[in-house]
N, C-alpha and C. Protein backbone atom coordinates (compact mmCIF):
# COMPACT_ATOMS: atom_id res chain seq x y z
N MET A 1 0.88 -1.04 -0.04
CA MET A 1 -0.10 0.00 -0.14
C MET A 1 0.91 1.20 0.30
N LYS A 2 1.94 1.22 0.61
CA LYS A 2 3.03 2.44 0.82
C LYS A 2 3.37 2.70 -0.55
N LYS A 3 3.96 1.49 -1.01
CA LYS A 3 4.49 1.74 -2.28
C LYS A 3 3.48 2.13 -3.66
N LEU A 4 2.17 1.80 -3.45
CA LEU A 4 1.33 2.42 -4.16
C LEU A 4 0.93 3.81 -3.91
N ALA A 5 1.34 4.34 -2.73
CA ALA A 5 0.94 5.58 -2.50
C ALA A 5 2.06 6.59 -3.20
N ILE A 6 3.39 5.69 -2.93
CA ILE A 6 4.66 6.61 -3.45
C ILE A 6 4.57 6.58 -5.08
N LEU A 7 4.21 5.81 -5.52
CA LEU A 7 4.02 5.42 -7.21
C LEU A 7 2.68 6.48 -7.52
N PHE A 8 1.64 6.54 -6.92
CA PHE A 8 0.73 7.37 -7.18
C PHE A 8 1.36 9.13 -7.20
N SER A 9 1.95 9.29 -6.09
CA SER A 9 2.69 10.59 -5.88
C SER A 9 3.66 11.04 -7.00
N LEU A 10 4.54 9.94 -7.39
CA LEU A 10 5.31 10.38 -8.29
C LEU A 10 4.56 10.68 -9.68
N VAL A 11 3.41 10.00 -10.03
CA VAL A 11 3.12 10.13 -10.89
C VAL A 11 1.93 11.38 -11.06
N ALA A 12 1.35 11.70 -10.16
CA ALA A 12 0.92 13.22 -9.64
C ALA A 12 2.17 14.36 -10.06
N ILE A 13 3.31 14.13 -9.59
CA ILE A 13 4.08 14.97 -10.01
C ILE A 13 4.72 15.13 -11.28
N VAL A 14 4.54 13.84 -11.98
CA VAL A 14 5.07 14.16 -13.38
C VAL A 14 4.40 14.81 -13.98
N PHE A 15 2.91 14.51 -13.83
CA PHE A 15 1.67 15.52 -14.53
C PHE A 15 1.71 16.52 -13.92
N ALA A 16 1.82 17.12 -12.64
CA ALA A 16 1.87 18.34 -12.39
C ALA A 16 3.10 19.28 -13.26
N CYS A 17 4.10 18.62 -13.34
CA CYS A 17 5.32 19.22 -13.90
C CYS A 17 4.86 19.49 -15.45
N LYS A 18 4.62 18.32 -16.21
CA LYS A 18 3.90 18.24 -17.51
C LYS A 18 2.95 19.05 -17.76
N ASN A 19 2.12 19.64 -16.85
CA ASN A 19 1.13 20.63 -16.87
C ASN A 19 1.82 21.84 -16.91
N VAL A 20 2.65 22.27 -16.07
CA VAL A 20 3.23 23.56 -15.99
C VAL A 20 3.95 23.97 -17.48
N ASP A 21 4.81 22.55 -17.95
CA ASP A 21 5.67 22.78 -18.99
C ASP A 21 5.07 23.48 -20.38
N GLN A 22 3.85 22.99 -20.15
CA GLN A 22 3.10 23.17 -21.45
C GLN A 22 2.60 24.58 -21.79
N PHE A 23 2.85 25.26 -20.43
CA PHE A 23 2.50 27.10 -20.65
C PHE A 23 3.95 27.78 -20.70
N ARG A 24 5.21 26.89 -20.56
CA ARG A 24 6.36 27.68 -20.75
C ARG A 24 6.78 28.55 -21.82
N ALA A 25 6.34 28.16 -23.05
CA ALA A 25 6.58 28.97 -24.30
C ALA A 25 5.58 30.00 -24.25
N PRO A 26 4.61 29.60 -23.97
CA PRO A 26 3.43 31.03 -24.15
C PRO A 26 3.82 31.98 -23.20
N ILE A 27 4.19 31.77 -22.11
CA ILE A 27 4.46 32.32 -20.90
C ILE A 27 5.63 33.06 -21.26
N GLU A 28 6.81 32.76 -21.50
CA GLU A 28 8.07 33.35 -22.05
C GLU A 28 7.56 34.36 -23.21
N ALA A 29 6.79 33.98 -24.12
CA ALA A 29 6.82 34.80 -25.03
C ALA A 29 5.84 35.96 -24.76
N LEU A 30 4.97 35.86 -23.83
CA LEU A 30 4.03 36.92 -23.54
C LEU A 30 4.91 37.76 -22.84
N THR A 31 5.96 37.20 -21.96
CA THR A 31 7.04 38.08 -20.87
C THR A 31 7.73 38.86 -21.90
N ALA A 32 8.35 38.38 -22.84
CA ALA A 32 9.06 39.14 -23.92
C ALA A 32 8.36 40.38 -24.47
N ASP A 33 7.22 40.01 -24.96
CA ASP A 33 5.99 40.91 -25.60
C ASP A 33 5.71 42.21 -24.58
N TRP A 34 5.59 41.54 -23.09
CA TRP A 34 5.30 42.58 -22.08
C TRP A 34 6.08 43.34 -21.96
N GLU A 35 7.50 43.06 -21.71
CA GLU A 35 8.69 44.10 -21.57
C GLU A 35 8.58 45.02 -22.80
N LYS A 36 8.49 44.81 -23.97
CA LYS A 36 8.56 45.65 -25.41
C LYS A 36 7.60 46.62 -25.04
N ALA A 37 6.60 46.25 -24.82
CA ALA A 37 5.28 47.09 -24.60
C ALA A 37 5.37 48.22 -23.57
N SER A 38 5.98 47.54 -22.35
CA SER A 38 6.27 48.53 -21.00
C SER A 38 7.17 49.55 -21.35
N THR A 39 8.37 49.21 -22.32
CA THR A 39 9.42 50.14 -22.39
C THR A 39 8.80 51.16 -23.46
N ALA A 40 7.74 50.79 -24.67
CA ALA A 40 6.95 51.67 -25.53
C ALA A 40 6.09 52.50 -24.66
N LEU A 41 5.42 52.27 -23.51
CA LEU A 41 4.31 52.96 -22.63
C LEU A 41 5.57 53.99 -21.82
N SER A 42 6.55 53.49 -21.42
CA SER A 42 7.47 54.33 -20.61
C SER A 42 7.86 55.05 -21.40
N GLY A 43 8.30 55.05 -22.58
CA GLY A 43 8.80 56.09 -23.43
C GLY A 43 7.90 57.21 -23.67
N LEU A 44 6.74 56.69 -23.65
CA LEU A 44 5.38 57.58 -24.34
C LEU A 44 5.14 58.66 -23.12
N GLY A 45 5.15 57.87 -22.00
CA GLY A 45 4.90 58.68 -20.78
C GLY A 45 5.95 59.61 -20.64
N THR A 46 7.43 59.54 -21.03
CA THR A 46 8.30 60.47 -20.99
C THR A 46 7.89 61.57 -21.72
N THR A 47 7.51 61.17 -22.82
CA THR A 47 7.37 62.13 -24.20
C THR A 47 6.02 62.89 -24.09
N ILE A 48 5.25 62.45 -23.01
CA ILE A 48 3.99 63.14 -22.81
C ILE A 48 4.32 64.17 -21.85
N GLY A 49 5.04 63.96 -20.50
CA GLY A 49 5.73 64.97 -19.56
C GLY A 49 6.64 66.05 -20.09
N ALA A 50 7.43 65.71 -20.97
CA ALA A 50 8.24 66.45 -21.66
C ALA A 50 7.50 67.71 -22.72
N THR A 51 6.44 67.01 -23.15
CA THR A 51 5.76 67.88 -24.11
C THR A 51 4.68 68.68 -23.22
N GLN A 52 4.24 68.27 -22.20
CA GLN A 52 3.75 69.25 -21.42
C GLN A 52 4.59 70.52 -20.86
N THR A 53 5.83 69.91 -20.44
CA THR A 53 6.74 71.09 -19.97
C THR A 53 6.85 72.33 -21.01
N SER A 54 7.43 71.57 -22.10
CA SER A 54 7.65 72.69 -23.03
C SER A 54 6.61 73.49 -23.55
N LEU A 55 5.54 72.77 -23.95
CA LEU A 55 4.45 73.81 -24.15
C LEU A 55 3.84 74.75 -22.99
N ALA A 56 4.09 74.32 -21.86
CA ALA A 56 3.75 75.41 -20.37
C ALA A 56 4.92 76.30 -20.49
N SER A 57 5.82 76.26 -21.08
CA SER A 57 6.81 77.34 -21.05
C SER A 57 6.77 78.10 -22.18
N LEU A 58 5.99 77.79 -23.16
CA LEU A 58 5.94 78.49 -24.43
C LEU A 58 4.56 79.47 -24.05
N LYS A 59 3.79 78.99 -23.33
CA LYS A 59 2.55 79.61 -22.84
C LYS A 59 3.00 81.40 -22.37
N ASP A 60 4.25 81.26 -21.44
CA ASP A 60 4.77 82.52 -21.20
C ASP A 60 5.31 83.39 -22.55
N SER A 61 5.64 82.93 -23.22
CA SER A 61 6.18 83.65 -24.53
C SER A 61 4.98 84.38 -25.15
N PHE A 62 3.67 84.10 -24.85
CA PHE A 62 2.60 84.84 -25.41
C PHE A 62 2.43 86.25 -24.40
N ALA A 63 3.30 86.41 -23.71
CA ALA A 63 3.03 87.95 -22.83
C ALA A 63 3.25 88.83 -23.58
N ILE A 64 2.61 89.93 -23.53
CA ILE A 64 2.79 91.05 -24.07
C ILE A 64 3.12 92.23 -23.41
N ASP A 65 4.17 93.10 -23.69
CA ASP A 65 4.64 94.34 -22.83
C ASP A 65 3.72 94.98 -22.72
N PRO A 66 2.98 95.49 -21.76
CA PRO A 66 1.77 96.17 -21.58
C PRO A 66 2.30 97.88 -22.09
N LYS A 67 3.84 98.20 -22.08
CA LYS A 67 4.16 99.47 -22.63
C LYS A 67 4.14 99.49 -24.19
N ALA A 68 4.08 98.04 -24.63
CA ALA A 68 4.12 98.15 -26.21
C ALA A 68 3.02 98.84 -26.92
N LYS A 69 3.30 99.49 -27.77
CA LYS A 69 2.23 100.26 -28.46
C LYS A 69 1.64 99.74 -29.46
N ILE A 70 0.53 98.82 -29.43
CA ILE A 70 0.12 98.03 -30.49
C ILE A 70 -1.35 98.33 -30.74
N ALA A 71 -1.51 98.33 -31.96
CA ALA A 71 -3.01 98.90 -32.42
C ALA A 71 -4.09 97.88 -32.23
N PRO A 72 -5.22 98.33 -31.88
CA PRO A 72 -6.40 97.60 -31.39
C PRO A 72 -6.62 96.47 -32.19
N ALA A 73 -6.45 96.47 -33.75
CA ALA A 73 -6.73 95.43 -34.55
C ALA A 73 -5.55 94.28 -34.30
N MET A 74 -4.23 94.82 -34.22
CA MET A 74 -3.23 93.91 -34.20
C MET A 74 -3.26 92.95 -32.73
N MET A 75 -3.80 93.91 -31.66
CA MET A 75 -3.89 93.20 -30.67
C MET A 75 -5.24 92.11 -30.56
N THR A 76 -6.19 92.20 -31.45
CA THR A 76 -7.58 91.50 -31.43
C THR A 76 -6.90 90.23 -32.41
N LYS A 77 -6.07 90.40 -33.21
CA LYS A 77 -5.37 89.28 -33.78
C LYS A 77 -4.48 88.66 -32.78
N LEU A 78 -3.80 89.08 -32.03
CA LEU A 78 -2.82 88.44 -31.23
C LEU A 78 -3.64 87.68 -30.32
N ASP A 79 -4.47 88.38 -29.81
CA ASP A 79 -5.75 87.40 -28.68
C ASP A 79 -6.19 86.28 -29.18
N SER A 80 -6.54 86.21 -30.43
CA SER A 80 -7.03 85.22 -31.17
C SER A 80 -5.98 84.02 -31.43
N ILE A 81 -5.01 84.42 -31.74
CA ILE A 81 -3.72 83.69 -31.97
C ILE A 81 -3.61 82.70 -30.42
N LYS A 82 -3.25 83.55 -29.55
CA LYS A 82 -2.94 82.96 -28.23
C LYS A 82 -4.52 81.86 -27.91
N ASN A 83 -5.42 82.63 -28.25
CA ASN A 83 -6.89 81.65 -28.07
C ASN A 83 -6.62 80.16 -28.57
N VAL A 84 -5.81 80.49 -30.06
CA VAL A 84 -5.82 78.98 -30.49
C VAL A 84 -4.69 78.40 -29.82
N PHE A 85 -3.67 78.78 -29.42
CA PHE A 85 -2.76 78.11 -28.64
C PHE A 85 -3.22 77.35 -27.17
N THR A 86 -4.14 78.12 -26.75
CA THR A 86 -4.78 77.93 -25.59
C THR A 86 -5.60 76.61 -25.81
N THR A 87 -6.30 76.55 -26.70
CA THR A 87 -7.26 75.47 -27.11
C THR A 87 -6.48 74.33 -27.84
N SER A 88 -5.53 74.53 -28.40
CA SER A 88 -4.72 73.37 -28.75
C SER A 88 -3.92 72.60 -27.82
N THR A 89 -3.41 73.62 -26.94
CA THR A 89 -2.62 72.82 -25.44
C THR A 89 -3.90 72.40 -24.79
N SER A 90 -4.73 73.01 -24.67
CA SER A 90 -6.00 72.12 -23.66
C SER A 90 -6.05 70.65 -23.77
N GLY A 91 -5.69 70.08 -24.81
CA GLY A 91 -5.94 68.90 -24.97
C GLY A 91 -4.81 67.97 -24.35
N MET A 92 -3.71 68.56 -23.93
CA MET A 92 -2.68 67.67 -23.25
C MET A 92 -3.18 67.29 -21.95
N GLU A 93 -3.89 67.72 -21.17
CA GLU A 93 -4.44 67.40 -19.72
C GLU A 93 -5.14 66.32 -19.96
N SER A 94 -5.93 66.20 -21.14
CA SER A 94 -6.79 65.00 -21.30
C SER A 94 -5.94 63.55 -21.96
N ILE A 95 -5.01 64.17 -22.47
CA ILE A 95 -4.41 63.15 -23.12
C ILE A 95 -3.61 62.62 -21.86
N ALA A 96 -2.77 63.47 -20.96
CA ALA A 96 -2.17 63.09 -19.94
C ALA A 96 -3.24 62.28 -18.81
N SER A 97 -4.05 62.60 -18.44
CA SER A 97 -5.20 62.12 -17.35
C SER A 97 -5.43 60.65 -18.10
N ALA A 98 -5.76 60.27 -19.60
CA ALA A 98 -6.11 59.19 -20.32
C ALA A 98 -5.07 58.32 -20.06
N PHE A 99 -3.69 58.97 -20.11
CA PHE A 99 -2.58 57.87 -20.15
C PHE A 99 -2.43 57.45 -18.64
N THR A 100 -2.33 58.06 -17.67
CA THR A 100 -2.26 57.77 -16.16
C THR A 100 -3.28 56.51 -15.98
N THR A 101 -4.38 56.70 -16.36
CA THR A 101 -5.36 55.75 -16.31
C THR A 101 -4.72 54.48 -16.91
N SER A 102 -4.55 54.51 -18.22
CA SER A 102 -3.95 53.35 -18.84
C SER A 102 -2.85 52.77 -18.28
N MET A 103 -2.16 53.81 -17.62
CA MET A 103 -0.78 53.32 -17.10
C MET A 103 -1.11 52.21 -15.61
N THR A 104 -2.02 52.68 -14.95
CA THR A 104 -2.85 52.49 -13.68
C THR A 104 -3.25 50.81 -13.98
N ASN A 105 -3.94 50.84 -14.98
CA ASN A 105 -4.32 49.26 -15.49
C ASN A 105 -3.05 48.61 -15.72
N TRP A 106 -2.15 49.20 -16.98
CA TRP A 106 -0.90 48.51 -16.99
C TRP A 106 -0.26 47.70 -15.99
N THR A 107 0.00 48.75 -14.73
CA THR A 107 0.65 48.20 -13.62
C THR A 107 -0.06 47.03 -12.98
N SER A 108 -1.43 47.24 -13.02
CA SER A 108 -2.27 46.27 -12.08
C SER A 108 -2.13 44.70 -12.98
N LEU A 109 -2.14 44.86 -14.22
CA LEU A 109 -2.02 43.74 -15.39
C LEU A 109 -0.42 43.11 -15.42
N SER A 110 0.53 43.93 -15.23
CA SER A 110 1.92 43.54 -14.74
C SER A 110 1.96 42.60 -13.67
N GLU A 111 1.34 42.73 -12.53
CA GLU A 111 1.25 41.87 -11.52
C GLU A 111 0.74 40.44 -11.98
N LYS A 112 -0.01 40.27 -12.65
CA LYS A 112 -0.54 39.15 -13.32
C LYS A 112 0.58 38.43 -14.24
N VAL A 113 1.13 39.20 -14.97
CA VAL A 113 2.45 38.73 -15.82
C VAL A 113 3.54 38.01 -14.79
N LYS A 114 3.90 38.96 -13.84
CA LYS A 114 4.80 38.57 -12.68
C LYS A 114 4.12 37.26 -12.25
N GLY A 115 3.09 37.17 -11.72
CA GLY A 115 2.44 35.90 -11.09
C GLY A 115 2.56 34.61 -12.10
N LEU A 116 2.51 34.84 -13.44
CA LEU A 116 2.53 33.62 -14.22
C LEU A 116 4.13 33.39 -14.25
N LYS A 117 4.90 34.64 -14.16
CA LYS A 117 6.39 34.13 -14.46
C LYS A 117 6.96 33.35 -12.98
N GLU A 118 6.60 33.91 -11.90
CA GLU A 118 6.85 33.02 -10.62
C GLU A 118 6.20 31.84 -10.58
N GLY A 119 5.14 31.45 -11.00
CA GLY A 119 4.32 30.47 -11.11
C GLY A 119 5.01 29.32 -11.86
N LEU A 120 5.59 29.79 -13.28
CA LEU A 120 6.19 29.03 -13.95
C LEU A 120 7.60 28.46 -13.52
N ALA A 121 8.36 29.74 -12.72
CA ALA A 121 9.51 29.12 -11.91
C ALA A 121 9.30 28.14 -10.75
N SER A 122 8.36 28.47 -10.14
CA SER A 122 7.86 27.38 -9.09
C SER A 122 7.32 26.21 -9.39
N GLY A 123 6.85 25.98 -10.67
CA GLY A 123 6.16 24.80 -11.09
C GLY A 123 4.56 24.73 -10.45
N LYS A 124 3.93 25.98 -10.17
CA LYS A 124 2.61 26.10 -9.41
C LYS A 124 2.03 26.99 -10.37
N LEU A 125 1.27 26.87 -11.34
CA LEU A 125 0.52 27.64 -11.90
C LEU A 125 -1.03 27.60 -11.54
N ASN A 126 -1.70 28.50 -11.00
CA ASN A 126 -3.12 28.58 -10.76
C ASN A 126 -3.99 28.97 -11.48
N GLY A 127 -5.49 28.64 -11.54
CA GLY A 127 -6.39 29.24 -12.56
C GLY A 127 -6.19 28.60 -13.86
N ASP A 128 -7.43 29.10 -14.99
CA ASP A 128 -7.19 29.17 -16.12
C ASP A 128 -6.10 29.81 -16.70
N VAL A 129 -4.89 29.17 -16.78
CA VAL A 129 -3.75 29.80 -17.25
C VAL A 129 -3.83 30.39 -18.71
N MET A 130 -4.33 29.49 -19.45
CA MET A 130 -4.57 29.98 -21.03
C MET A 130 -5.61 31.13 -21.12
N ALA A 131 -6.52 31.46 -20.10
CA ALA A 131 -7.40 32.60 -20.23
C ALA A 131 -6.36 33.41 -19.70
N GLN A 132 -5.58 33.63 -18.96
CA GLN A 132 -5.06 34.87 -18.08
C GLN A 132 -3.91 35.06 -19.39
N ILE A 133 -3.42 34.08 -19.77
CA ILE A 133 -2.36 34.52 -20.87
C ILE A 133 -3.00 35.22 -22.04
N ASN A 134 -4.15 34.84 -22.66
CA ASN A 134 -4.87 35.30 -23.59
C ASN A 134 -5.24 36.74 -23.24
N GLU A 135 -5.54 36.98 -21.88
CA GLU A 135 -5.92 38.44 -21.34
C GLU A 135 -4.77 39.45 -21.69
N LEU A 136 -3.75 38.99 -21.18
CA LEU A 136 -2.59 39.59 -20.98
C LEU A 136 -1.93 39.75 -22.71
N LYS A 137 -2.11 38.98 -23.33
CA LYS A 137 -1.72 39.20 -24.79
C LYS A 137 -2.61 40.24 -25.35
N ASN A 138 -3.96 40.25 -25.06
CA ASN A 138 -4.74 41.07 -25.57
C ASN A 138 -4.32 42.68 -25.10
N ALA A 139 -3.94 42.63 -23.81
CA ALA A 139 -3.41 43.77 -23.37
C ALA A 139 -2.40 44.44 -23.98
N VAL A 140 -1.28 43.54 -24.35
CA VAL A 140 -0.13 44.07 -25.24
C VAL A 140 -0.68 44.59 -26.39
N THR A 141 -1.41 43.99 -26.94
CA THR A 141 -1.92 44.36 -28.47
C THR A 141 -2.71 45.60 -28.28
N ASN A 142 -3.60 45.99 -27.21
CA ASN A 142 -4.32 46.88 -27.16
C ASN A 142 -2.91 48.36 -26.89
N SER A 143 -2.25 47.64 -25.89
CA SER A 143 -0.99 48.84 -25.55
C SER A 143 -0.25 49.58 -26.88
N SER A 144 -0.35 48.56 -27.59
CA SER A 144 0.34 48.99 -28.86
C SER A 144 -0.49 50.12 -29.74
N SER A 145 -1.60 49.98 -29.86
CA SER A 145 -2.62 50.83 -30.42
C SER A 145 -3.13 51.80 -29.47
N GLU A 146 -2.50 52.13 -28.34
CA GLU A 146 -2.77 53.04 -27.49
C GLU A 146 -1.61 54.01 -27.61
N VAL A 147 -0.40 53.44 -27.89
CA VAL A 147 0.74 54.13 -27.88
C VAL A 147 0.62 54.71 -29.13
N GLU A 148 0.20 54.12 -30.53
CA GLU A 148 0.27 54.69 -31.59
C GLU A 148 -1.01 56.14 -31.91
N SER A 149 -2.25 55.80 -30.80
CA SER A 149 -3.11 56.72 -30.67
C SER A 149 -2.80 57.83 -29.80
N TYR A 150 -1.91 57.71 -28.84
CA TYR A 150 -1.59 58.74 -28.04
C TYR A 150 -0.58 59.59 -28.60
N THR A 151 0.34 58.89 -29.52
CA THR A 151 1.59 59.64 -30.31
C THR A 151 0.69 60.53 -31.30
N ALA A 152 -0.02 59.81 -32.09
CA ALA A 152 -1.12 60.72 -32.95
C ALA A 152 -1.70 62.27 -32.26
N LYS A 153 -2.22 62.11 -30.97
CA LYS A 153 -2.92 62.94 -30.62
C LYS A 153 -1.75 63.65 -29.87
N LEU A 154 -0.97 63.68 -29.55
CA LEU A 154 0.37 64.11 -29.11
C LEU A 154 0.81 65.00 -29.98
N ASN A 155 1.08 64.59 -31.33
CA ASN A 155 1.96 65.05 -32.57
C ASN A 155 0.86 66.30 -33.16
N THR A 156 -0.67 65.79 -32.97
CA THR A 156 -1.50 66.98 -33.29
C THR A 156 -1.38 68.25 -32.25
N VAL A 157 -1.23 68.11 -31.22
CA VAL A 157 -1.26 69.04 -30.20
C VAL A 157 -0.19 69.72 -30.52
N LYS A 158 1.04 69.25 -30.49
CA LYS A 158 2.35 70.15 -30.79
C LYS A 158 2.29 70.65 -31.79
N THR A 159 2.02 69.97 -33.14
CA THR A 159 2.04 70.91 -34.23
C THR A 159 1.08 71.89 -34.14
N ASP A 160 -0.30 71.85 -33.69
CA ASP A 160 -1.30 72.86 -33.88
C ASP A 160 -0.58 73.98 -32.62
N ALA A 161 -0.02 73.61 -31.57
CA ALA A 161 0.66 74.88 -30.69
C ALA A 161 1.66 75.49 -31.27
N MET A 162 2.52 74.58 -31.89
CA MET A 162 3.67 75.17 -32.66
C MET A 162 3.32 76.07 -33.67
N ALA A 163 2.41 75.65 -34.36
CA ALA A 163 2.01 76.93 -35.28
C ALA A 163 1.09 78.03 -34.93
N ALA A 164 0.41 77.83 -33.92
CA ALA A 164 -0.13 79.33 -33.36
C ALA A 164 1.23 80.03 -32.74
N TYR A 165 2.17 79.47 -32.09
CA TYR A 165 3.30 80.09 -31.53
C TYR A 165 4.16 80.70 -32.51
N ASP A 166 4.40 80.17 -33.69
CA ASP A 166 5.13 80.98 -34.73
C ASP A 166 4.42 81.80 -35.37
N MET A 167 2.94 81.83 -35.48
CA MET A 167 1.94 82.66 -35.95
C MET A 167 1.98 84.11 -35.26
N PHE A 168 2.10 83.74 -33.80
CA PHE A 168 2.03 84.81 -32.81
C PHE A 168 3.47 85.51 -32.98
N LYS A 169 4.62 84.98 -32.96
CA LYS A 169 6.06 85.30 -32.92
C LYS A 169 5.98 86.20 -34.29
N GLN A 170 5.52 85.77 -35.26
CA GLN A 170 5.65 86.35 -36.68
C GLN A 170 4.79 87.95 -36.92
N THR A 171 3.60 87.71 -36.16
CA THR A 171 2.44 88.86 -36.14
C THR A 171 3.07 89.91 -35.25
N LEU A 172 3.68 89.47 -34.27
CA LEU A 172 4.05 90.51 -33.19
C LEU A 172 5.16 91.16 -33.83
N MET A 173 6.21 90.48 -34.64
CA MET A 173 7.14 90.98 -35.15
C MET A 173 6.91 91.84 -36.35
N ALA A 174 5.74 91.59 -37.18
CA ALA A 174 5.27 92.59 -38.18
C ALA A 174 4.84 93.90 -37.90
N LYS A 175 4.59 93.91 -36.49
CA LYS A 175 3.78 95.19 -35.95
C LYS A 175 5.04 96.12 -35.57
N LYS A 176 6.35 95.64 -35.70
CA LYS A 176 7.21 96.29 -35.18
C LYS A 176 7.89 96.93 -36.61
């Protein structure tokens, strides 16, 4: 009876190890993709922060010396250009806020990836492993789309803001 219990235990261990090994390749591929996506998201976060700082510093450039003698029509035109700049940069706040929400979700999902890696290393994976892997693969795919979307929005904001800035400076210089 003792021999049977030992044999049964050995068979269970073999099947348990085999069970974990079937997920090794998908988890390793997911981990590699996750790290690439994390790097892209981190870079985007840095770019968003730098763009916010840059545009905030440009906002100060729209100040007009109160002693400057500017015709009312010119002042109206300059105010209009300032409004274009303000409107175009107002989108940065929503981009940054949405990105922060996305990163909070990404950080939460990163814990699941970490759990899968640790489970693979320890030989103990819990739950529906393929469902977890598929959920995380979808998150990687979605992150790529998000990076493209945020980058496009960011480029639009920067382009519009810089166009308004250049127009303001040219208009202000033309007055002189």
